[in-house]
N, C-alpha and C. Protein backbone atom coordinates (compact mmCIF):
# COMPACT_ATOMS: atom_id res chain seq x y z
N MET A 1 0.75 -1.01 0.02
CA MET A 1 -0.14 0.01 -0.11
C MET A 1 0.95 1.39 -0.01
N PRO A 2 0.62 1.94 -0.90
CA PRO A 2 1.70 3.26 -1.06
C PRO A 2 1.54 4.25 0.47
N ASN A 3 2.36 4.86 0.81
CA ASN A 3 2.68 5.81 2.08
C ASN A 3 1.62 6.82 2.06
N THR A 4 1.27 7.31 0.87
CA THR A 4 0.29 8.44 0.95
C THR A 4 -1.41 7.67 1.37
N LEU A 5 -1.48 6.73 1.05
CA LEU A 5 -2.68 5.77 0.97
C LEU A 5 -2.86 5.32 2.41
N MET A 6 -1.93 4.98 3.15
CA MET A 6 -1.91 4.39 4.60
C MET A 6 -1.81 5.49 5.45
N GLU A 7 -1.21 6.72 4.88
CA GLU A 7 -1.10 8.05 6.08
C GLU A 7 -2.90 8.42 6.09
N GLY A 8 -3.80 8.19 4.64
CA GLY A 8 -4.64 8.59 4.64
C GLY A 8 -5.94 7.74 5.30
N LYS A 9 -5.54 6.26 5.27
CA LYS A 9 -6.13 5.49 5.91
C LYS A 9 -6.02 5.70 7.52
N ARG A 10 -4.94 6.05 7.90
CA ARG A 10 -4.82 6.15 9.41
C ARG A 10 -5.79 7.37 9.52
N LYS A 11 -6.18 8.37 9.17
CA LYS A 11 -6.71 9.60 9.38
C LYS A 11 -8.00 8.98 9.62
N GLN A 12 -8.38 8.23 8.68
CA GLN A 12 -9.77 7.54 8.85
C GLN A 12 -9.98 6.79 10.19
N ASP A 13 -8.86 6.05 10.48
CA ASP A 13 -8.98 5.18 11.41
C ASP A 13 -8.86 6.04 12.85
N TRP A 14 -8.30 6.99 12.74
CA TRP A 14 -8.27 8.22 13.96
C TRP A 14 -9.93 8.72 13.97
N ALA A 15 -10.48 9.04 13.26
CA ALA A 15 -11.47 9.62 13.18
C ALA A 15 -12.50 8.65 13.87
N ASN A 16 -12.45 7.28 12.98
CA ASN A 16 -13.44 6.43 14.00
C ASN A 16 -13.10 6.20 15.23
N LEU A 17 -11.98 6.35 15.49
CA LEU A 17 -11.75 6.12 17.33
C LEU A 17 -12.31 7.38 17.94
N VAL A 18 -12.39 8.47 17.64
CA VAL A 18 -12.62 9.81 18.00
C VAL A 18 -14.29 9.78 18.24
N LEU A 19 -14.84 9.14 16.84
CA LEU A 19 -16.37 9.26 16.92
C LEU A 19 -16.73 8.01 17.97
N ALA A 20 -15.79 6.73 18.09
CA ALA A 20 -16.19 6.02 19.14
C ALA A 20 -16.23 6.66 20.48
N VAL A 21 -14.98 7.34 20.83
CA VAL A 21 -15.17 8.01 22.04
C VAL A 21 -16.44 8.83 22.47
N CYS A 22 -16.98 9.64 21.14
CA CYS A 22 -17.45 10.55 21.16
C CYS A 22 -19.01 9.98 21.77
N LEU A 23 -19.43 8.28 20.97
CA LEU A 23 -20.56 7.96 20.70
C LEU A 23 -20.69 7.29 22.53
N PHE A 24 -19.62 6.58 22.95
CA PHE A 24 -19.23 6.35 24.32
C PHE A 24 -19.86 7.48 25.41
N ILE A 25 -19.58 8.08 25.54
CA ILE A 25 -20.09 9.54 26.33
C ILE A 25 -21.24 10.46 26.09
N SER A 26 -21.77 9.94 24.71
CA SER A 26 -22.70 10.59 24.42
C SER A 26 -24.17 10.46 25.26
N PRO A 27 -24.58 9.32 25.99
CA PRO A 27 -25.82 9.31 26.75
C PRO A 27 -25.69 10.22 27.89
N TRP A 28 -24.61 10.76 28.43
CA TRP A 28 -24.04 11.66 29.39
C TRP A 28 -24.13 13.25 28.90
N VAL A 29 -23.28 13.39 27.77
CA VAL A 29 -23.29 14.61 27.04
C VAL A 29 -24.64 15.20 26.70
N ILE A 30 -25.39 14.23 25.89
CA ILE A 30 -26.77 14.57 25.24
C ILE A 30 -27.74 14.61 26.13
N GLY A 31 -27.47 13.59 27.33
CA GLY A 31 -28.81 13.70 28.30
C GLY A 31 -29.67 12.68 28.13
N PHE A 32 -29.29 11.40 27.93
CA PHE A 32 -30.34 10.10 28.02
C PHE A 32 -29.74 9.10 28.33
N ALA A 33 -28.56 9.28 29.36
CA ALA A 33 -28.27 8.47 30.08
C ALA A 33 -29.43 7.27 31.04
N ALA A 34 -30.45 7.86 31.35
CA ALA A 34 -31.26 7.54 31.95
C ALA A 34 -32.44 6.44 31.20
N ASP A 35 -32.25 6.42 30.06
CA ASP A 35 -32.75 5.68 29.06
C ASP A 35 -31.94 4.44 28.74
N THR A 36 -32.20 3.50 29.15
CA THR A 36 -31.41 2.13 29.05
C THR A 36 -31.10 1.50 27.82
N VAL A 37 -31.96 1.49 27.04
CA VAL A 37 -32.04 0.83 25.83
C VAL A 37 -30.56 1.46 24.78
N PRO A 38 -31.25 2.93 24.59
CA PRO A 38 -30.29 3.81 23.74
C PRO A 38 -28.77 3.98 24.32
N THR A 39 -28.96 3.83 25.76
CA THR A 39 -27.54 3.99 26.10
C THR A 39 -26.54 3.01 26.17
N TRP A 40 -27.37 1.61 26.49
CA TRP A 40 -26.40 0.46 26.29
C TRP A 40 -26.14 0.16 24.58
N ASN A 41 -27.02 0.50 23.39
CA ASN A 41 -26.58 0.65 22.44
C ASN A 41 -25.56 1.65 22.05
N ALA A 42 -25.73 2.53 22.51
CA ALA A 42 -24.39 3.51 22.40
C ALA A 42 -22.99 2.90 22.86
N TRP A 43 -23.21 2.21 24.02
CA TRP A 43 -21.70 2.06 24.54
C TRP A 43 -21.26 0.47 24.12
N ILE A 44 -22.34 -0.35 23.47
CA ILE A 44 -21.96 -1.74 22.83
C ILE A 44 -21.38 -1.43 21.43
N VAL A 45 -21.83 -0.54 20.85
CA VAL A 45 -21.58 -0.05 19.71
C VAL A 45 -20.17 0.65 19.34
N ALA A 46 -20.02 1.74 20.42
CA ALA A 46 -18.83 2.46 20.35
C ALA A 46 -17.83 1.46 21.12
N ILE A 47 -17.98 0.63 21.76
CA ILE A 47 -16.88 -0.52 21.93
C ILE A 47 -16.37 -1.29 20.93
N ALA A 48 -17.52 -1.55 20.23
CA ALA A 48 -17.04 -2.66 19.19
C ALA A 48 -16.35 -1.80 17.63
N LEU A 49 -16.70 -0.56 17.75
CA LEU A 49 -16.08 0.28 16.73
C LEU A 49 -14.87 0.81 17.36
N GLY A 50 -14.66 1.12 18.64
CA GLY A 50 -13.42 1.16 19.15
C GLY A 50 -12.13 -0.02 18.77
N ALA A 51 -12.83 -1.16 19.55
CA ALA A 51 -11.79 -2.42 18.94
C ALA A 51 -11.72 -2.50 17.59
N LEU A 52 -12.48 -2.37 16.82
CA LEU A 52 -12.32 -2.73 15.35
C LEU A 52 -11.19 -1.50 14.80
N THR A 53 -11.63 -0.28 15.23
CA THR A 53 -10.70 0.65 14.80
C THR A 53 -8.81 0.56 15.27
N ILE A 54 -8.96 0.15 16.54
CA ILE A 54 -7.78 -0.22 17.21
C ILE A 54 -6.88 -1.26 16.33
N ALA A 55 -7.77 -2.30 15.71
CA ALA A 55 -7.37 -3.53 15.06
C ALA A 55 -6.95 -3.23 14.04
N ALA A 56 -7.18 -2.27 13.08
CA ALA A 56 -7.18 -1.69 11.83
C ALA A 56 -5.91 -0.58 11.75
N LEU A 57 -5.66 0.08 13.34
CA LEU A 57 -4.46 0.94 13.26
C LEU A 57 -3.47 -0.26 13.48
N SER A 58 -3.69 -1.19 14.09
CA SER A 58 -2.57 -2.32 14.11
C SER A 58 -1.83 -2.91 12.82
N VAL A 59 -3.28 -3.62 12.34
CA VAL A 59 -2.78 -4.42 11.11
C VAL A 59 -3.98 -4.09 10.09
N PHE A 60 -3.69 -3.45 8.88
CA PHE A 60 -4.86 -3.30 8.41
C PHE A 60 -5.69 -4.35 7.65
N ALA A 61 -7.13 -4.39 7.67
CA ALA A 61 -7.93 -5.46 7.02
C ALA A 61 -8.96 -4.75 6.68
N GLU A 62 -9.30 -4.68 5.35
CA GLU A 62 -10.64 -4.05 4.70
C GLU A 62 -11.90 -4.55 5.20
N TRP A 63 -11.92 -5.48 5.79
CA TRP A 63 -12.99 -6.12 6.29
C TRP A 63 -13.42 -5.42 7.69
N GLU A 64 -12.54 -5.09 8.55
CA GLU A 64 -12.67 -3.88 9.41
C GLU A 64 -13.58 -2.73 8.94
N GLU A 65 -12.96 -2.08 7.96
CA GLU A 65 -13.76 -1.08 7.32
C GLU A 65 -15.40 -1.54 7.02
N TRP A 66 -15.63 -2.68 6.46
CA TRP A 66 -16.74 -2.91 6.45
C TRP A 66 -17.65 -3.21 7.31
N ALA A 67 -17.16 -3.74 8.54
CA ALA A 67 -17.91 -3.98 9.81
C ALA A 67 -18.13 -2.24 10.51
N ASN A 68 -17.09 -1.65 10.17
CA ASN A 68 -17.30 -0.39 10.86
C ASN A 68 -18.96 0.43 9.91
N LEU A 69 -18.85 0.21 9.13
CA LEU A 69 -19.88 0.29 8.08
C LEU A 69 -21.44 -0.14 8.91
N VAL A 70 -21.26 -1.57 8.58
CA VAL A 70 -22.44 -1.98 9.17
C VAL A 70 -22.87 -1.65 10.62
N LEU A 71 -21.94 -1.30 11.48
CA LEU A 71 -22.41 -0.56 12.92
C LEU A 71 -22.86 0.59 12.49
N GLY A 72 -22.18 1.59 11.53
CA GLY A 72 -22.80 2.69 11.10
C GLY A 72 -24.02 2.72 10.78
N LEU A 73 -24.64 1.63 10.14
CA LEU A 73 -25.86 1.78 9.54
C LEU A 73 -26.94 1.16 10.78
N TRP A 74 -26.19 0.27 11.38
CA TRP A 74 -27.03 -0.32 12.65
C TRP A 74 -27.40 0.93 13.59
N LEU A 75 -26.46 1.91 13.71
CA LEU A 75 -27.03 3.26 14.23
C LEU A 75 -27.87 4.07 13.92
N ILE A 76 -27.77 4.23 12.81
CA ILE A 76 -29.07 4.75 11.75
C ILE A 76 -30.39 4.19 11.73
N VAL A 77 -30.63 3.04 12.12
CA VAL A 77 -31.86 1.93 11.91
C VAL A 77 -32.32 1.52 13.53
N SER A 78 -31.13 1.61 14.38
CA SER A 78 -31.54 0.86 15.79
C SER A 78 -32.78 1.87 16.76
N PRO A 79 -32.62 3.14 16.26
CA PRO A 79 -33.97 4.06 17.26
C PRO A 79 -35.09 3.18 16.98
N TRP A 80 -35.46 2.86 15.73
CA TRP A 80 -36.70 2.50 15.39
C TRP A 80 -36.68 0.92 15.69
N LEU A 81 -35.90 -0.02 15.29
CA LEU A 81 -35.72 -1.31 15.66
C LEU A 81 -35.63 -1.65 17.40
N LEU A 82 -35.25 -0.81 17.80
CA LEU A 82 -35.10 -0.88 19.44
C LEU A 82 -35.93 0.04 20.01
N GLY A 83 -37.07 0.53 19.42
CA GLY A 83 -38.10 1.52 20.06
C GLY A 83 -37.44 2.64 21.14
N PHE A 84 -36.80 3.24 20.57
CA PHE A 84 -36.48 4.46 21.05
C PHE A 84 -36.26 5.67 20.41
N ALA A 85 -36.97 5.79 19.25
CA ALA A 85 -37.20 6.99 18.52
C ALA A 85 -38.07 7.75 18.85
N ALA A 86 -38.77 7.69 20.13
CA ALA A 86 -39.42 9.05 20.66
C ALA A 86 -38.64 9.68 21.37
N ASN A 87 -37.29 8.92 21.82
CA ASN A 87 -36.26 9.88 22.66
C ASN A 87 -35.40 10.48 21.47
N ALA A 88 -36.08 11.95 21.27
CA ALA A 88 -35.31 12.59 20.17
C ALA A 88 -33.89 12.71 20.47
N ASN A 89 -33.15 12.76 21.57
CA ASN A 89 -32.01 13.37 21.99
C ASN A 89 -31.17 11.78 21.32
N ALA A 90 -31.57 10.86 21.69
CA ALA A 90 -31.09 9.40 21.71
C ALA A 90 -31.19 9.23 20.33
N MET A 91 -32.49 9.51 19.68
CA MET A 91 -32.57 9.12 18.26
C MET A 91 -31.62 9.93 17.23
N TRP A 92 -31.73 11.12 17.66
CA TRP A 92 -31.02 11.77 16.68
C TRP A 92 -29.12 12.02 16.76
N THR A 93 -28.86 11.38 18.17
CA THR A 93 -27.63 10.97 18.50
C THR A 93 -27.22 10.17 17.58
N SER A 94 -27.70 8.72 17.79
CA SER A 94 -27.74 7.56 17.05
C SER A 94 -27.76 7.80 15.56
N VAL A 95 -28.48 8.31 14.97
CA VAL A 95 -28.45 8.66 13.55
C VAL A 95 -27.39 9.45 12.91
N VAL A 96 -27.17 10.85 13.58
CA VAL A 96 -26.13 11.52 13.00
C VAL A 96 -24.81 10.59 13.18
N MET A 97 -24.54 9.97 14.58
CA MET A 97 -23.03 9.12 14.93
C MET A 97 -23.06 8.07 13.69
N GLY A 98 -24.44 7.54 13.24
CA GLY A 98 -24.36 6.49 12.49
C GLY A 98 -23.96 6.90 10.87
N VAL A 99 -24.41 8.16 10.64
CA VAL A 99 -23.98 8.60 9.15
C VAL A 99 -22.61 9.02 9.24
N LEU A 100 -22.06 9.74 10.27
CA LEU A 100 -20.62 9.93 10.46
C LEU A 100 -19.88 8.89 10.19
N ILE A 101 -20.15 7.63 11.07
CA ILE A 101 -19.27 6.63 11.27
C ILE A 101 -19.02 6.00 9.82
N GLY A 102 -20.52 5.98 8.95
CA GLY A 102 -20.78 5.38 8.18
C GLY A 102 -19.87 5.65 6.66
N ALA A 103 -19.81 7.09 7.04
CA ALA A 103 -19.17 8.47 5.96
C ALA A 103 -18.03 7.67 6.08
N VAL A 104 -17.08 7.62 7.26
CA VAL A 104 -15.95 7.67 7.08
C VAL A 104 -15.45 6.12 6.82
N SER A 105 -16.11 5.43 6.99
CA SER A 105 -15.66 3.74 6.66
C SER A 105 -15.91 3.71 5.32
N LEU A 106 -17.10 4.25 4.84
CA LEU A 106 -17.14 4.22 3.19
C LEU A 106 -15.95 4.98 2.48
N TRP A 107 -15.41 6.16 3.08
CA TRP A 107 -14.33 6.74 2.61
C TRP A 107 -13.06 5.69 2.52
N ALA A 108 -12.92 5.14 3.78
CA ALA A 108 -11.95 4.34 3.91
C ALA A 108 -11.92 2.90 3.01
N VAL A 109 -12.91 2.65 2.58
CA VAL A 109 -13.26 1.73 1.76
C VAL A 109 -12.82 1.95 0.00
N TRP A 110 -13.26 3.39 -0.07
CA TRP A 110 -13.27 3.94 -1.43
C TRP A 110 -11.54 4.28 -1.63
N ASP A 111 -10.76 4.41 -0.63
CA ASP A 111 -9.60 4.65 -0.48
C ASP A 111 -8.62 3.41 -0.91
N VAL A 112 -9.15 2.27 -0.13
CA VAL A 112 -8.68 1.17 -0.40
C VAL A 112 -8.88 0.72 -1.77
N ASN A 113 -10.07 0.76 -2.63
CA ASN A 113 -10.28 0.13 -3.43
C ASN A 113 -9.98 1.06 -4.91
N HIS A 114 -9.19 2.55 -4.51
CA HIS A 114 -8.75 3.32 -5.48
C HIS A 114 -7.78 4.43 -5.40
N PRO A 115 -6.64 3.27 -5.17
CA PRO A 115 -5.55 3.94 -4.43
C PRO A 115 -4.85 4.75 -5.77
N GLN A 116 -5.20 4.69 -7.21
CA GLN A 116 -4.83 5.91 -7.95
C GLN A 116 -5.22 7.21 -7.85
N ALA A 117 -6.09 7.16 -7.16
CA ALA A 117 -6.81 8.66 -6.36
C ALA A 117 -5.61 9.27 -5.64
N HIS A 118 -4.60 8.47 -5.15
CA HIS A 118 -3.58 9.46 -4.27
C HIS A 118 -2.22 9.18 -5.10
N ALA A 119 -2.39 9.04 -6.41
CA ALA A 119 -1.02 9.01 -7.40
C ALA A 119 -0.48 10.30 -7.48
């Protein structure tokens, strides 16, 4: 993998790590920690995202980016599937974080599959 591609990849991994931390603390910061379902959803997804991102920082594997994308998509639909869409703070946090995580993950997959864009 060319050095510039690896540097770009690292930026995306660091962005996902920051998003994982933000997602983990979001129940307290945004104010929905008293609602168990969205809080646990945020914590579980944040831990999974953080673990995958740390693994990606250590040894690159494209499947980790796809797994991150799935986590982002899960966050987008989880308010309705888990029944917390009525909690606007939790719902919007989940949707926005899901979109951001999904976008960063798609960006990473794009970079891996289009290395000529960095030439």
